[in-house]
Amino acid sequence: MENEFKSIIFNPRTGIDFRLNSARLIYGSLGIMILYLILTQLFQTTSETDMAVFIILCLLIIVGARWSFNEKQKKFGYLDGELKITEQNISINGKEYDWQEISNFSFDIQQVLNEPLWEDDSWGAYRFYGGPSFSQGVDSYIDFDSTYGHIRTYFQLESSSHKVDLVNLIRRHFFLGNIELQRTYNGLHLEYEQIQELKKEKAQWANVKSS
């Protein structure tokens, strides 16, 4: 069976995203608190209402921090269309681009759906800076030039096995010479030792193929 990778395309929206999230709740409450404090100092006003406002804003900051610990990422865009990568071509919504006509191919492979974004987060549950904890899996992309112009396509990685399928196919195209070494290890986020191992694997693959 031919090696191939299929995924749903993520289409980023343009404009400003006004949806509420944990970071906006935290920093919005903090901003209002500072502004309110400045106004009370300017007009020399103190009352039980002021104290109640500060308490409510503090509670909102705490709620935002707790929300960020469980928040799932919601990128500004929508999922629609299909990306397919094979050994012969790349297909985006049915339009095929042969590898022979593709140049400057690069890519980036990030988290999968519902994968923690901050595994090494030393703050743990006390994430008072806000932001989602779990990925929507749509930060990965491919980027290349073709006879039709420059193309960048984001897509969703649905699971760890889905990501492994893509990594294996990317390595295959590196062996075939369709992707440069630097673009390969940058996109795969490899460390020095892993880069050397990848180069050895390509040399071994070339020897087997030529024999």
C-alpha atoms as a PDB file:
ATOM      1  CA  MET A   1       0.000   0.000   0.000  1.00  0.00           C
ATOM      2  CA  GLU A   2       1.285   3.467  -0.891  1.00  0.00           C
ATOM      3  CA  ASN A   3       2.466   5.631   1.990  1.00  0.00           C
ATOM      4  CA  GLU A   4       0.158   8.589   2.434  1.00  0.00           C
ATOM      5  CA  PHE A   5      -0.988  11.076   5.029  1.00  0.00           C
ATOM      6  CA  LYS A   6      -4.449  12.642   5.177  1.00  0.00           C
ATOM      7  CA  SER A   7      -5.707  15.451   7.386  1.00  0.00           C
ATOM      8  CA  ILE A   8      -8.405  18.106   7.717  1.00  0.00           C
ATOM      9  CA  ILE A   9      -7.261  21.577   6.672  1.00  0.00           C
ATOM     10  CA  PHE A  10      -7.416  24.437   9.174  1.00  0.00           C
ATOM     11  CA  ASN A  11      -8.404  27.766   7.633  1.00  0.00           C
ATOM     12  CA  PRO A  12      -7.322  30.760   9.778  1.00  0.00           C
ATOM     13  CA  ARG A  13      -9.738  33.681   9.887  1.00  0.00           C
ATOM     14  CA  THR A  14      -8.693  37.291   9.419  1.00  0.00           C
ATOM     15  CA  GLY A  15      -9.671  40.158  11.675  1.00  0.00           C
ATOM     16  CA  ILE A  16      -9.843  40.403  15.447  1.00  0.00           C
ATOM     17  CA  ASP A  17     -10.942  37.522  17.630  1.00  0.00           C
ATOM     18  CA  PHE A  18     -13.212  38.945  20.343  1.00  0.00           C
ATOM     19  CA  ARG A  19     -13.969  35.616  22.034  1.00  0.00           C
ATOM     20  CA  LEU A  20     -13.365  35.435  25.763  1.00  0.00           C
ATOM     21  CA  ASN A  21     -10.556  33.237  27.017  1.00  0.00           C
ATOM     22  CA  SER A  22      -8.686  32.813  30.282  1.00  0.00           C
ATOM     23  CA  ALA A  23      -5.862  35.211  29.383  1.00  0.00           C
ATOM     24  CA  ARG A  24      -8.288  37.983  28.420  1.00  0.00           C
ATOM     25  CA  LEU A  25     -10.272  37.437  31.591  1.00  0.00           C
ATOM     26  CA  ILE A  26      -7.134  37.694  33.725  1.00  0.00           C
ATOM     27  CA  TYR A  27      -5.514  40.681  32.040  1.00  0.00           C
ATOM     28  CA  GLY A  28      -8.804  42.436  31.365  1.00  0.00           C
ATOM     29  CA  SER A  29      -9.710  42.224  35.047  1.00  0.00           C
ATOM     30  CA  LEU A  30      -6.231  43.345  36.030  1.00  0.00           C
ATOM     31  CA  GLY A  31      -6.406  46.292  33.623  1.00  0.00           C
ATOM     32  CA  ILE A  32      -9.796  47.380  34.949  1.00  0.00           C
ATOM     33  CA  MET A  33      -8.498  47.074  38.505  1.00  0.00           C
ATOM     34  CA  ILE A  34      -5.518  49.335  37.790  1.00  0.00           C
ATOM     35  CA  LEU A  35      -7.703  51.874  35.961  1.00  0.00           C
ATOM     36  CA  TYR A  36     -10.248  51.850  38.791  1.00  0.00           C
ATOM     37  CA  LEU A  37      -7.468  52.334  41.342  1.00  0.00           C
ATOM     38  CA  ILE A  38      -6.127  55.327  39.413  1.00  0.00           C
ATOM     39  CA  LEU A  39      -9.598  56.911  39.244  1.00  0.00           C
ATOM     40  CA  THR A  40     -10.218  56.458  42.958  1.00  0.00           C
ATOM     41  CA  GLN A  41      -6.876  58.105  43.730  1.00  0.00           C
ATOM     42  CA  LEU A  42      -7.560  61.013  41.371  1.00  0.00           C
ATOM     43  CA  PHE A  43     -10.993  61.740  42.801  1.00  0.00           C
ATOM     44  CA  GLN A  44     -10.084  60.765  46.376  1.00  0.00           C
ATOM     45  CA  THR A  45     -13.044  58.418  46.710  1.00  0.00           C
ATOM     46  CA  THR A  46     -13.283  55.416  48.997  1.00  0.00           C
ATOM     47  CA  SER A  47     -16.382  53.412  49.650  1.00  0.00           C
ATOM     48  CA  GLU A  48     -17.719  49.935  50.230  1.00  0.00           C
ATOM     49  CA  THR A  49     -18.528  49.851  46.519  1.00  0.00           C
ATOM     50  CA  ASP A  50     -14.836  50.277  45.674  1.00  0.00           C
ATOM     51  CA  MET A  51     -13.933  47.356  47.918  1.00  0.00           C
ATOM     52  CA  ALA A  52     -16.643  45.202  46.355  1.00  0.00           C
ATOM     53  CA  VAL A  53     -15.351  46.026  42.852  1.00  0.00           C
ATOM     54  CA  PHE A  54     -11.804  45.042  43.816  1.00  0.00           C
ATOM     55  CA  ILE A  55     -12.994  41.793  45.364  1.00  0.00           C
ATOM     56  CA  ILE A  56     -14.992  40.898  42.246  1.00  0.00           C
ATOM     57  CA  LEU A  57     -12.042  41.671  39.967  1.00  0.00           C
ATOM     58  CA  CYS A  58      -9.705  39.582  42.138  1.00  0.00           C
ATOM     59  CA  LEU A  59     -12.169  36.703  41.954  1.00  0.00           C
ATOM     60  CA  LEU A  60     -12.303  37.026  38.156  1.00  0.00           C
ATOM     61  CA  ILE A  61      -8.492  36.813  37.995  1.00  0.00           C
ATOM     62  CA  ILE A  62      -8.559  33.661  40.108  1.00  0.00           C
ATOM     63  CA  VAL A  63     -11.324  32.184  37.950  1.00  0.00           C
ATOM     64  CA  GLY A  64      -9.281  32.955  34.817  1.00  0.00           C
ATOM     65  CA  ALA A  65      -6.184  31.311  36.289  1.00  0.00           C
ATOM     66  CA  ARG A  66      -8.142  28.196  37.222  1.00  0.00           C
ATOM     67  CA  TRP A  67      -9.847  28.129  33.817  1.00  0.00           C
ATOM     68  CA  SER A  68      -6.464  28.285  32.076  1.00  0.00           C
ATOM     69  CA  PHE A  69      -5.451  25.066  33.809  1.00  0.00           C
ATOM     70  CA  ASN A  70      -8.216  23.173  31.940  1.00  0.00           C
ATOM     71  CA  GLU A  71      -8.802  25.433  28.939  1.00  0.00           C
ATOM     72  CA  LYS A  72      -8.729  23.888  25.469  1.00  0.00           C
ATOM     73  CA  GLN A  73      -7.232  25.950  22.673  1.00  0.00           C
ATOM     74  CA  LYS A  74      -9.708  27.488  20.221  1.00  0.00           C
ATOM     75  CA  LYS A  75      -7.855  28.891  17.232  1.00  0.00           C
ATOM     76  CA  PHE A  76      -9.489  31.693  15.262  1.00  0.00           C
ATOM     77  CA  GLY A  77     -10.589  29.778  12.171  1.00  0.00           C
ATOM     78  CA  TYR A  78     -12.424  26.686  11.000  1.00  0.00           C
ATOM     79  CA  LEU A  79     -11.728  23.134   9.827  1.00  0.00           C
ATOM     80  CA  ASP A  80     -12.684  22.405   6.238  1.00  0.00           C
ATOM     81  CA  GLY A  81     -11.068  20.639   3.279  1.00  0.00           C
ATOM     82  CA  GLU A  82      -8.564  17.811   2.931  1.00  0.00           C
ATOM     83  CA  LEU A  83      -4.791  17.679   2.747  1.00  0.00           C
ATOM     84  CA  LYS A  84      -3.181  14.527   1.365  1.00  0.00           C
ATOM     85  CA  ILE A  85       0.555  13.887   1.069  1.00  0.00           C
ATOM     86  CA  THR A  86       1.809  10.871  -0.892  1.00  0.00           C
ATOM     87  CA  GLU A  87       5.122   9.825  -2.401  1.00  0.00           C
ATOM     88  CA  GLN A  88       4.030  11.288  -5.749  1.00  0.00           C
ATOM     89  CA  ASN A  89       2.311  14.548  -4.846  1.00  0.00           C
ATOM     90  CA  ILE A  90       0.575  16.837  -2.387  1.00  0.00           C
ATOM     91  CA  SER A  91      -3.171  17.252  -2.780  1.00  0.00           C
ATOM     92  CA  ILE A  92      -4.968  20.264  -1.266  1.00  0.00           C
ATOM     93  CA  ASN A  93      -8.740  20.137  -1.663  1.00  0.00           C
ATOM     94  CA  GLY A  94      -8.295  17.874  -4.671  1.00  0.00           C
ATOM     95  CA  LYS A  95      -5.699  20.048  -6.421  1.00  0.00           C
ATOM     96  CA  GLU A  96      -2.495  18.058  -6.906  1.00  0.00           C
ATOM     97  CA  TYR A  97       1.067  19.366  -6.817  1.00  0.00           C
ATOM     98  CA  ASP A  98       3.697  16.892  -8.023  1.00  0.00           C
ATOM     99  CA  TRP A  99       6.888  16.824  -5.993  1.00  0.00           C
ATOM    100  CA  GLN A 100       8.855  17.552  -9.186  1.00  0.00           C
ATOM    101  CA  GLU A 101       7.162  20.971  -9.469  1.00  0.00           C
ATOM    102  CA  ILE A 102       7.505  21.818  -5.754  1.00  0.00           C
ATOM    103  CA  SER A 103      10.421  23.892  -4.445  1.00  0.00           C
ATOM    104  CA  ASN A 104      11.434  25.423  -1.102  1.00  0.00           C
ATOM    105  CA  PHE A 105       9.325  22.889   0.794  1.00  0.00           C
ATOM    106  CA  SER A 106       9.251  23.443   4.547  1.00  0.00           C
ATOM    107  CA  PHE A 107       6.960  22.352   7.334  1.00  0.00           C
ATOM    108  CA  ASP A 108       6.391  22.469  11.062  1.00  0.00           C
ATOM    109  CA  ILE A 109       4.959  19.653  13.163  1.00  0.00           C
ATOM    110  CA  GLN A 110       3.450  20.715  16.494  1.00  0.00           C
ATOM    111  CA  GLN A 111       1.066  19.282  19.104  1.00  0.00           C
ATOM    112  CA  VAL A 112      -1.799  16.917  18.376  1.00  0.00           C
ATOM    113  CA  LEU A 113      -5.436  17.434  19.369  1.00  0.00           C
ATOM    114  CA  ASN A 114      -5.884  17.730  23.160  1.00  0.00           C
ATOM    115  CA  GLU A 115      -2.148  17.394  23.820  1.00  0.00           C
ATOM    116  CA  PRO A 116      -0.871  19.485  26.765  1.00  0.00           C
ATOM    117  CA  LEU A 117       0.787  22.689  25.573  1.00  0.00           C
ATOM    118  CA  TRP A 118       2.870  23.212  28.694  1.00  0.00           C
ATOM    119  CA  GLU A 119       4.272  19.828  29.739  1.00  0.00           C
ATOM    120  CA  ASP A 120       7.351  21.478  31.257  1.00  0.00           C
ATOM    121  CA  ASP A 121       5.368  24.228  32.940  1.00  0.00           C
ATOM    122  CA  SER A 122       6.907  24.698  36.399  1.00  0.00           C
ATOM    123  CA  TRP A 123       3.877  26.731  37.514  1.00  0.00           C
ATOM    124  CA  GLY A 124       1.708  23.644  37.390  1.00  0.00           C
ATOM    125  CA  ALA A 125      -1.839  24.435  38.526  1.00  0.00           C
ATOM    126  CA  TYR A 126      -0.929  28.014  39.411  1.00  0.00           C
ATOM    127  CA  ARG A 127      -1.050  29.385  35.848  1.00  0.00           C
ATOM    128  CA  PHE A 128      -1.882  32.992  36.670  1.00  0.00           C
ATOM    129  CA  TYR A 129      -0.631  34.197  33.274  1.00  0.00           C
ATOM    130  CA  GLY A 130      -3.566  32.509  31.504  1.00  0.00           C
ATOM    131  CA  GLY A 131      -3.866  30.862  28.128  1.00  0.00           C
ATOM    132  CA  PRO A 132      -5.070  27.402  27.093  1.00  0.00           C
ATOM    133  CA  SER A 133      -3.501  24.215  28.420  1.00  0.00           C
ATOM    134  CA  PHE A 134      -4.545  21.822  25.652  1.00  0.00           C
ATOM    135  CA  SER A 135      -3.892  22.139  21.921  1.00  0.00           C
ATOM    136  CA  GLN A 136      -6.476  22.116  19.166  1.00  0.00           C
ATOM    137  CA  GLY A 137      -3.821  20.415  17.037  1.00  0.00           C
ATOM    138  CA  VAL A 138      -3.936  22.965  14.203  1.00  0.00           C
ATOM    139  CA  ASP A 139      -0.552  24.690  14.496  1.00  0.00           C
ATOM    140  CA  SER A 140       1.199  22.320  12.053  1.00  0.00           C
ATOM    141  CA  TYR A 141       1.638  23.423   8.441  1.00  0.00           C
ATOM    142  CA  ILE A 142       3.337  22.759   5.120  1.00  0.00           C
ATOM    143  CA  ASP A 143       4.792  25.562   3.017  1.00  0.00           C
ATOM    144  CA  PHE A 144       6.145  25.452  -0.549  1.00  0.00           C
ATOM    145  CA  ASP A 145       6.461  27.189  -3.897  1.00  0.00           C
ATOM    146  CA  SER A 146       4.956  25.765  -7.076  1.00  0.00           C
ATOM    147  CA  THR A 147       4.088  26.883 -10.589  1.00  0.00           C
ATOM    148  CA  TYR A 148       0.808  28.136  -9.052  1.00  0.00           C
ATOM    149  CA  GLY A 149       2.546  30.403  -6.537  1.00  0.00           C
ATOM    150  CA  HIS A 150       3.414  30.260  -2.853  1.00  0.00           C
ATOM    151  CA  ILE A 151       1.257  27.977  -0.707  1.00  0.00           C
ATOM    152  CA  ARG A 152       0.990  27.512   3.055  1.00  0.00           C
ATOM    153  CA  THR A 153      -1.588  25.121   4.482  1.00  0.00           C
ATOM    154  CA  TYR A 154      -2.362  24.466   8.148  1.00  0.00           C
ATOM    155  CA  PHE A 155      -3.892  21.155   9.171  1.00  0.00           C
ATOM    156  CA  GLN A 156      -5.009  19.216  12.233  1.00  0.00           C
ATOM    157  CA  LEU A 157      -3.107  16.376  13.856  1.00  0.00           C
ATOM    158  CA  GLU A 158      -5.776  14.215  15.472  1.00  0.00           C
ATOM    159  CA  SER A 159      -3.693  11.751  17.509  1.00  0.00           C
ATOM    160  CA  SER A 160      -0.168  10.598  18.312  1.00  0.00           C
ATOM    161  CA  SER A 161      -0.394   7.847  15.687  1.00  0.00           C
ATOM    162  CA  HIS A 162      -1.575  10.414  13.125  1.00  0.00           C
ATOM    163  CA  LYS A 163       1.524  12.475  13.914  1.00  0.00           C
ATOM    164  CA  VAL A 164       3.786   9.421  13.607  1.00  0.00           C
ATOM    165  CA  ASP A 165       2.344   8.703  10.144  1.00  0.00           C
ATOM    166  CA  LEU A 166       3.289  12.213   9.042  1.00  0.00           C
ATOM    167  CA  VAL A 167       6.769  12.062  10.587  1.00  0.00           C
ATOM    168  CA  ASN A 168       7.489   8.763   8.832  1.00  0.00           C
ATOM    169  CA  LEU A 169       6.337  10.163   5.492  1.00  0.00           C
ATOM    170  CA  ILE A 170       8.412  13.321   5.955  1.00  0.00           C
ATOM    171  CA  ARG A 171      11.484  11.201   6.664  1.00  0.00           C
ATOM    172  CA  ARG A 172      10.720   9.202   3.541  1.00  0.00           C
ATOM    173  CA  HIS A 173      10.677  12.370   1.429  1.00  0.00           C
ATOM    174  CA  PHE A 174      13.955  13.473   2.999  1.00  0.00           C
ATOM    175  CA  PHE A 175      15.500  10.168   1.914  1.00  0.00           C
ATOM    176  CA  LEU A 176      14.065  10.697  -1.570  1.00  0.00           C
ATOM    177  CA  GLY A 177      15.653  14.152  -1.735  1.00  0.00           C
ATOM    178  CA  ASN A 178      12.380  16.089  -1.835  1.00  0.00           C
ATOM    179  CA  ILE A 179      13.106  17.919   1.456  1.00  0.00           C
ATOM    180  CA  GLU A 180      16.414  19.494   2.463  1.00  0.00           C
ATOM    181  CA  LEU A 181      18.212  18.362   5.613  1.00  0.00           C
ATOM    182  CA  GLN A 182      17.917  21.665   7.488  1.00  0.00           C
ATOM    183  CA  ARG A 183      14.220  22.050   6.686  1.00  0.00           C
ATOM    184  CA  THR A 184      13.680  18.444   7.780  1.00  0.00           C
ATOM    185  CA  TYR A 185      15.293  18.713  11.200  1.00  0.00           C
ATOM    186  CA  ASN A 186      13.820  22.158  11.822  1.00  0.00           C
ATOM    187  CA  GLY A 187      10.313  20.915  11.044  1.00  0.00           C
ATOM    188  CA  LEU A 188      10.767  17.765  13.125  1.00  0.00           C
ATOM    189  CA  HIS A 189      12.430  19.726  15.985  1.00  0.00           C
ATOM    190  CA  LEU A 190      15.377  17.354  16.175  1.00  0.00           C
ATOM    191  CA  GLU A 191      18.365  17.764  18.475  1.00  0.00           C
ATOM    192  CA  TYR A 192      21.980  17.395  17.315  1.00  0.00           C
ATOM    193  CA  GLU A 193      22.278  13.689  18.089  1.00  0.00           C
ATOM    194  CA  GLN A 194      18.990  12.972  16.330  1.00  0.00           C
ATOM    195  CA  ILE A 195      20.149  14.916  13.265  1.00  0.00           C
ATOM    196  CA  GLN A 196      23.299  12.794  13.025  1.00  0.00           C
ATOM    197  CA  GLU A 197      21.232   9.628  13.333  1.00  0.00           C
ATOM    198  CA  LEU A 198      18.891  10.849  10.586  1.00  0.00           C
ATOM    199  CA  LYS A 199      21.858  11.464   8.270  1.00  0.00           C
ATOM    200  CA  LYS A 200      23.176   7.949   8.971  1.00  0.00           C
ATOM    201  CA  GLU A 201      19.767   6.456   8.219  1.00  0.00           C
ATOM    202  CA  LYS A 202      19.649   8.275   4.873  1.00  0.00           C
ATOM    203  CA  ALA A 203      23.126   7.012   3.969  1.00  0.00           C
ATOM    204  CA  GLN A 204      22.131   3.450   4.875  1.00  0.00           C
ATOM    205  CA  TRP A 205      18.908   3.795   2.898  1.00  0.00           C
ATOM    206  CA  ALA A 206      20.870   5.038  -0.145  1.00  0.00           C
ATOM    207  CA  ASN A 207      23.302   2.115   0.091  1.00  0.00           C
ATOM    208  CA  VAL A 208      20.458  -0.418   0.253  1.00  0.00           C
ATOM    209  CA  LYS A 209      18.702   1.228  -2.690  1.00  0.00           C
ATOM    210  CA  SER A 210      21.846   1.244  -4.856  1.00  0.00           C
ATOM    211  CA  SER A 211      22.750  -2.372  -4.070  1.00  0.00           C
END
